[in-house]
Amino acid sequence: MCELLGMSANVPTDIRFSFAGLMRRGGQTGPHRDGWGVAFYEDKGCRTFQDTHPSSDSEIARMIRGYPIKSRIVIAHIRRANRGRVMLENTHPFVRELWGRNWAFAHNGQLRGIKKWRLKFHQPVGTTDSEHAFCWILDQLRGRWLKQPSAAALDAAIAECVRKLAALGVFNMLMSDSRALYVHRATNLVALTRRAPFGAATLIDEDLTADFARETNHTDVVTIIATRPLTRNEPWAELPKHELAVFRNGRLGASGAVVRAKSRSKPKLKRAA
C-alpha cells in the first residue's frame, strides 16, 4: 500500500517538516520504494515534482526538503506498486485541467474493475487504476456542468462519485482544484490541525523537531492529513470512514464540510494512536 500526505492552510505554508517525515518512509523507515510525487498549489497554478526513485534517496526530494515552497494546499504520495509498473507516468499525484483549474489527485488502495468504466473527456497516460478513477471523476463533473458550479453542488457531486468508487475496493484519496482539499478515508487516514497556541513537534521517522510558535502568526490554521501520524507528540485524529471530508483554508466545518452522498454533518474525529 502507498502513503498519502496532504495539507490545507489559510495562509501560504511551508510543508518541509512533514515532508521530511514522509520522505523517510519511502524506502528507509517504510517499504514504499516505487516512486513519489508532490503537488504544491500557488493560487491556480500547480507546481509538481515526481520521481521513480525512492524518496529516501531521491535528489529531487532532497532539493524540495531544502526549498521553502509555501502553499495553501499540498498533495504528496509515496508509492508501493501493486497495479501498474514503476514508471513516471504511474507516479502520483496526477494532474488534469477542468474549468480552467488544475486538479491534482493521489490515491491509496485498489479498485477492482475500474478500467471497465468508460471514459469520454479525460484519458489516463499511465496504467494505474488510480489515474483511471481520477479521469472518471473529472469526466462525471465535466459531463454535468460546462462551467464550475457552486461549492455546495460540487462537493455533493464529488461525494457521489467517491461513494461509487469506494464500492470497488479500498479508496483513500486526496484531491484538489486549488480551492478545496477533498479527502476520503477507507482504511487509514489521520488529521492534525495546528493553530494558536502553537508548540513544538517531533517527527516519528527522523530526529527532527520544529517549534511552530517561532514560524507562525496567531491567526494561522494549518491542517495536515497523513496515512499514519508523522509526529510523536501531537493529537492526531482519525478521519470519518466512508465520507468525503472537504477542507478549505485549513478548516473542516464552517469553511469545509464532511459530505455524504445525500447529506452533510459535522464529523466526530477519533484519536489516533
Protein backbone atom coordinates (compact mmCIF):
# COMPACT_ATOMS: atom_id res chain seq x y z
CA MET A 1 0.00 0.00 0.00
CA CYS A 2 1.04 3.61 -0.55
CA GLU A 3 1.07 6.55 1.85
CA LEU A 4 -0.52 9.97 1.44
CA LEU A 5 0.27 13.43 2.78
CA GLY A 6 -1.96 16.47 2.37
CA MET A 7 -2.11 20.00 3.69
CA SER A 8 -4.77 22.70 3.78
CA ALA A 9 -3.94 26.11 5.28
CA ASN A 10 -5.37 29.60 5.46
CA VAL A 11 -2.01 31.18 4.59
CA PRO A 12 0.85 30.01 2.34
CA THR A 13 2.70 27.50 4.50
CA ASP A 14 5.98 25.59 4.28
CA ILE A 15 5.42 21.81 4.46
CA ARG A 16 9.10 20.78 4.56
CA PHE A 17 8.86 19.46 8.13
CA SER A 18 6.04 17.00 7.39
CA PHE A 19 7.56 16.14 4.01
CA ALA A 20 10.82 15.19 5.75
CA GLY A 21 8.97 12.56 7.78
CA LEU A 22 7.12 11.17 4.76
CA MET A 23 10.26 11.04 2.66
CA ARG A 24 11.98 8.71 5.15
CA ARG A 25 9.10 6.24 4.79
CA GLY A 26 9.82 5.98 1.08
CA GLY A 27 12.36 3.17 1.31
CA GLN A 28 14.06 3.79 4.67
CA THR A 29 11.61 3.52 7.57
CA GLY A 30 8.91 2.16 5.27
CA PRO A 31 8.65 -0.10 2.19
CA HIS A 32 7.34 2.49 -0.29
CA ARG A 33 10.25 2.40 -2.74
CA ASP A 34 8.41 2.67 -6.07
CA GLY A 35 8.39 6.41 -6.62
CA TRP A 36 6.93 9.51 -5.10
CA GLY A 37 5.41 12.84 -6.05
CA VAL A 38 4.18 16.12 -4.62
CA ALA A 39 1.96 18.93 -5.91
CA PHE A 40 2.04 22.47 -4.48
CA TYR A 41 -0.71 24.94 -5.32
CA GLU A 42 0.18 28.59 -5.80
CA ASP A 43 -3.12 30.36 -6.48
CA LYS A 44 -4.47 28.46 -9.51
CA GLY A 45 -1.00 27.29 -10.50
CA CYS A 46 0.18 23.81 -9.58
CA ARG A 47 3.89 23.05 -9.17
CA THR A 48 4.56 19.28 -9.32
CA PHE A 49 7.63 17.14 -8.70
CA GLN A 50 7.80 13.38 -9.32
CA ASP A 51 10.47 10.71 -9.28
CA THR A 52 10.54 6.94 -9.74
CA HIS A 53 13.37 6.59 -7.20
CA PRO A 54 12.59 6.03 -3.50
CA SER A 55 12.01 9.35 -1.78
CA SER A 56 14.51 8.44 0.97
CA ASP A 57 17.42 8.66 -1.50
CA SER A 58 15.95 10.91 -4.22
CA GLU A 59 17.97 14.00 -5.10
CA ILE A 60 14.75 15.75 -6.14
CA ALA A 61 13.21 15.01 -2.72
CA ARG A 62 16.30 16.41 -1.02
CA MET A 63 16.01 19.55 -3.13
CA ILE A 64 12.38 20.04 -2.08
CA ARG A 65 13.26 19.46 1.56
CA GLY A 66 15.68 22.38 1.33
CA TYR A 67 13.44 24.59 -0.82
CA PRO A 68 10.86 26.57 1.21
CA ILE A 69 7.91 26.41 -1.20
CA LYS A 70 4.89 27.95 0.50
CA SER A 71 1.43 26.79 -0.44
CA ARG A 72 -2.11 26.68 0.92
CA ILE A 73 -2.78 23.20 -0.47
CA VAL A 74 -0.28 20.34 -0.90
CA ILE A 75 -0.80 16.74 -2.03
CA ALA A 76 2.04 14.18 -1.73
CA HIS A 77 2.30 10.42 -2.28
CA ILE A 78 4.90 7.69 -1.81
CA ARG A 79 4.25 4.54 -3.82
CA ARG A 80 4.45 0.83 -3.25
CA ALA A 81 3.35 -0.52 -6.63
CA ASN A 82 0.64 -3.15 -6.84
CA ARG A 83 -1.07 -2.04 -10.07
CA GLY A 84 0.99 -0.62 -12.91
CA ARG A 85 4.75 -0.77 -13.45
CA VAL A 86 7.22 1.60 -11.81
CA MET A 87 7.23 4.40 -14.37
CA LEU A 88 7.00 8.18 -14.19
CA GLU A 89 3.55 8.15 -15.81
CA ASN A 90 2.30 5.90 -13.00
CA THR A 91 3.59 8.21 -10.27
CA HIS A 92 1.10 10.20 -8.20
CA PRO A 93 -0.18 12.86 -7.90
CA PHE A 94 -1.87 13.06 -11.29
CA VAL A 95 -2.85 16.47 -12.65
CA ARG A 96 -5.53 17.46 -15.18
CA GLU A 97 -7.30 20.66 -16.20
CA LEU A 98 -11.04 21.21 -15.71
CA TRP A 99 -12.94 24.53 -15.90
CA GLY A 100 -9.68 26.44 -16.14
CA ARG A 101 -8.25 24.99 -12.94
CA ASN A 102 -5.55 22.43 -12.23
CA TRP A 103 -6.92 19.38 -10.42
CA ALA A 104 -4.48 17.09 -8.57
CA PHE A 105 -5.23 13.59 -7.28
CA ALA A 106 -3.46 10.89 -5.27
CA HIS A 107 -4.87 7.53 -4.19
CA ASN A 108 -4.02 4.63 -1.90
CA GLY A 109 -5.75 1.30 -2.49
CA GLN A 110 -7.09 -0.94 -5.25
CA LEU A 111 -10.25 -0.56 -7.32
CA ARG A 112 -11.45 -3.80 -8.86
CA GLY A 113 -12.92 -3.40 -12.34
CA ILE A 114 -12.41 0.37 -12.62
CA LYS A 115 -10.80 0.09 -16.05
CA LYS A 116 -14.08 -1.23 -17.44
CA TRP A 117 -15.68 2.13 -16.68
CA ARG A 118 -15.85 4.15 -19.89
CA LEU A 119 -14.12 7.50 -20.21
CA LYS A 120 -15.11 10.30 -22.57
CA PHE A 121 -13.20 13.52 -21.95
CA HIS A 122 -10.13 12.56 -19.91
CA GLN A 123 -7.80 9.65 -20.62
CA PRO A 124 -5.05 8.05 -18.49
CA VAL A 125 -1.44 8.48 -19.52
CA GLY A 126 -0.24 5.56 -17.37
CA THR A 127 -1.69 2.18 -16.45
CA THR A 128 -2.83 2.56 -12.82
CA ASP A 129 -6.38 2.09 -11.59
CA SER A 130 -5.85 5.32 -9.61
CA GLU A 131 -5.39 7.50 -12.68
CA HIS A 132 -8.38 5.87 -14.38
CA ALA A 133 -10.52 6.68 -11.33
CA PHE A 134 -9.33 10.30 -11.38
CA CYS A 135 -10.19 10.64 -15.07
CA TRP A 136 -13.61 9.14 -14.37
CA ILE A 137 -14.34 11.66 -11.61
CA LEU A 138 -13.42 14.57 -13.88
CA ASP A 139 -15.49 13.07 -16.70
CA GLN A 140 -18.53 12.96 -14.42
CA LEU A 141 -18.08 16.58 -13.38
CA ARG A 142 -17.45 17.87 -16.90
CA GLY A 143 -20.41 15.92 -18.23
CA ARG A 144 -22.68 17.57 -15.66
CA TRP A 145 -21.51 21.19 -15.87
CA LEU A 146 -19.91 23.30 -18.60
CA LYS A 147 -18.78 25.86 -16.02
CA GLN A 148 -17.72 25.40 -12.42
CA PRO A 149 -20.81 25.10 -10.19
CA SER A 150 -21.31 26.35 -6.64
CA ALA A 151 -19.11 24.89 -3.94
CA ALA A 152 -22.07 23.08 -2.37
CA ALA A 153 -23.11 21.46 -5.67
CA LEU A 154 -19.54 20.47 -6.47
CA ASP A 155 -18.97 18.96 -3.02
CA ALA A 156 -22.14 16.88 -3.32
CA ALA A 157 -21.25 15.64 -6.81
CA ILE A 158 -17.74 14.62 -5.76
CA ALA A 159 -19.19 12.83 -2.72
CA GLU A 160 -21.44 10.82 -5.03
CA CYS A 161 -18.51 9.90 -7.30
CA VAL A 162 -16.42 8.88 -4.31
CA ARG A 163 -19.23 6.69 -2.96
CA LYS A 164 -19.39 4.76 -6.25
CA LEU A 165 -15.63 4.33 -6.46
CA ALA A 166 -15.34 3.19 -2.85
CA ALA A 167 -17.69 0.32 -3.64
CA LEU A 168 -14.94 -1.16 -5.87
CA GLY A 169 -12.36 -1.61 -3.11
CA VAL A 170 -10.01 0.47 -0.98
CA PHE A 171 -10.28 4.17 -1.77
CA ASN A 172 -8.14 6.52 0.32
CA MET A 173 -7.96 9.75 -1.67
CA LEU A 174 -6.63 13.29 -1.74
CA MET A 175 -7.86 15.64 -4.49
CA SER A 176 -7.87 19.39 -5.03
CA ASP A 177 -8.90 22.07 -7.50
CA SER A 178 -6.68 24.72 -5.82
CA ARG A 179 -9.58 25.97 -3.65
CA ALA A 180 -10.53 22.94 -1.55
CA LEU A 181 -8.82 19.75 -0.41
CA TYR A 182 -11.09 16.71 -0.82
CA VAL A 183 -10.24 13.74 1.39
CA HIS A 184 -11.79 10.26 1.56
CA ARG A 185 -10.77 7.64 4.09
CA ALA A 186 -11.46 3.94 3.55
CA THR A 187 -8.82 2.43 5.84
CA ASN A 188 -6.10 4.69 7.24
CA LEU A 189 -6.08 8.49 7.20
CA VAL A 190 -5.45 10.79 10.15
CA ALA A 191 -5.55 14.56 10.51
CA LEU A 192 -3.96 17.18 12.72
CA THR A 193 -4.86 20.88 12.88
CA ARG A 194 -2.22 23.29 14.14
CA ARG A 195 -3.45 26.64 15.42
CA ALA A 196 -2.64 29.07 18.25
CA PRO A 197 -1.19 28.50 20.74
CA PHE A 198 1.45 26.76 18.64
CA GLY A 199 4.04 24.44 20.15
CA ALA A 200 6.90 22.16 19.18
CA ALA A 201 6.56 18.87 17.30
CA THR A 202 8.97 15.96 16.81
CA LEU A 203 8.91 13.60 13.85
CA ILE A 204 8.46 9.86 14.37
CA ASP A 205 10.70 8.84 11.46
CA GLU A 206 13.54 11.30 11.99
CA ASP A 207 15.19 13.04 14.93
CA LEU A 208 13.85 16.44 13.93
CA THR A 209 11.85 18.95 15.98
CA ALA A 210 10.12 22.13 14.81
CA ASP A 211 8.94 24.97 17.03
CA PHE A 212 5.90 26.32 15.19
CA ALA A 213 5.49 29.19 17.65
CA ARG A 214 8.53 30.82 16.02
CA GLU A 215 7.26 30.40 12.46
CA THR A 216 3.54 31.24 12.67
CA ASN A 217 1.09 34.01 13.46
CA HIS A 218 -1.76 33.61 15.93
CA THR A 219 -4.33 33.61 13.08
CA ASP A 220 -2.69 30.74 11.14
CA VAL A 221 -4.62 27.49 10.73
CA VAL A 222 -2.86 24.50 9.13
CA THR A 223 -4.32 21.00 8.79
CA ILE A 224 -2.09 18.05 7.90
CA ILE A 225 -3.55 14.76 6.61
CA ALA A 226 -1.44 11.59 6.54
CA THR A 227 -1.85 7.85 6.24
CA ARG A 228 -0.19 7.47 9.64
CA PRO A 229 0.79 10.08 12.25
CA LEU A 230 4.04 11.82 11.36
CA THR A 231 4.82 13.30 14.79
CA ARG A 232 5.02 11.66 18.21
CA ASN A 233 3.76 14.47 20.44
CA GLU A 234 0.67 15.89 18.69
CA PRO A 235 -3.03 14.89 18.85
CA TRP A 236 -3.62 13.16 15.51
CA ALA A 237 -7.22 12.06 14.95
CA GLU A 238 -8.77 9.55 12.56
CA LEU A 239 -10.96 11.00 9.83
CA PRO A 240 -14.50 9.60 9.47
CA LYS A 241 -14.66 6.49 7.31
CA HIS A 242 -16.54 6.36 4.00
CA GLU A 243 -17.35 10.08 3.89
CA LEU A 244 -15.92 12.95 1.87
CA ALA A 245 -14.12 15.46 4.09
CA VAL A 246 -13.71 18.90 2.49
CA PHE A 247 -11.07 21.25 3.88
CA ARG A 248 -10.98 24.92 2.98
CA ASN A 249 -8.41 27.31 4.42
CA GLY A 250 -7.27 24.67 6.90
CA ARG A 251 -10.70 24.17 8.40
CA LEU A 252 -13.25 21.38 8.37
CA GLY A 253 -16.74 22.53 9.31
CA ALA A 254 -17.98 26.05 8.68
CA SER A 255 -15.49 26.65 5.87
CA GLY A 256 -15.19 22.98 4.92
CA ALA A 257 -17.51 20.03 5.39
CA VAL A 258 -17.94 16.32 5.70
CA VAL A 259 -20.20 15.44 2.80
CA ARG A 260 -22.23 12.29 2.39
CA ALA A 261 -23.77 11.45 -0.96
CA LYS A 262 -27.13 12.78 0.24
CA SER A 263 -26.45 14.85 3.35
CA ARG A 264 -23.95 16.82 5.44
CA SER A 265 -22.95 16.58 9.08
CA LYS A 266 -20.10 17.59 11.31
CA PRO A 267 -17.69 14.72 11.97
CA LYS A 268 -16.59 13.15 15.20
CA LEU A 269 -12.85 12.62 14.92
CA LYS A 270 -11.33 9.71 16.78
CA ARG A 271 -7.96 9.98 18.46
CA ALA A 272 -5.24 8.07 16.62
CA ALA A 273 -2.55 6.16 18.43
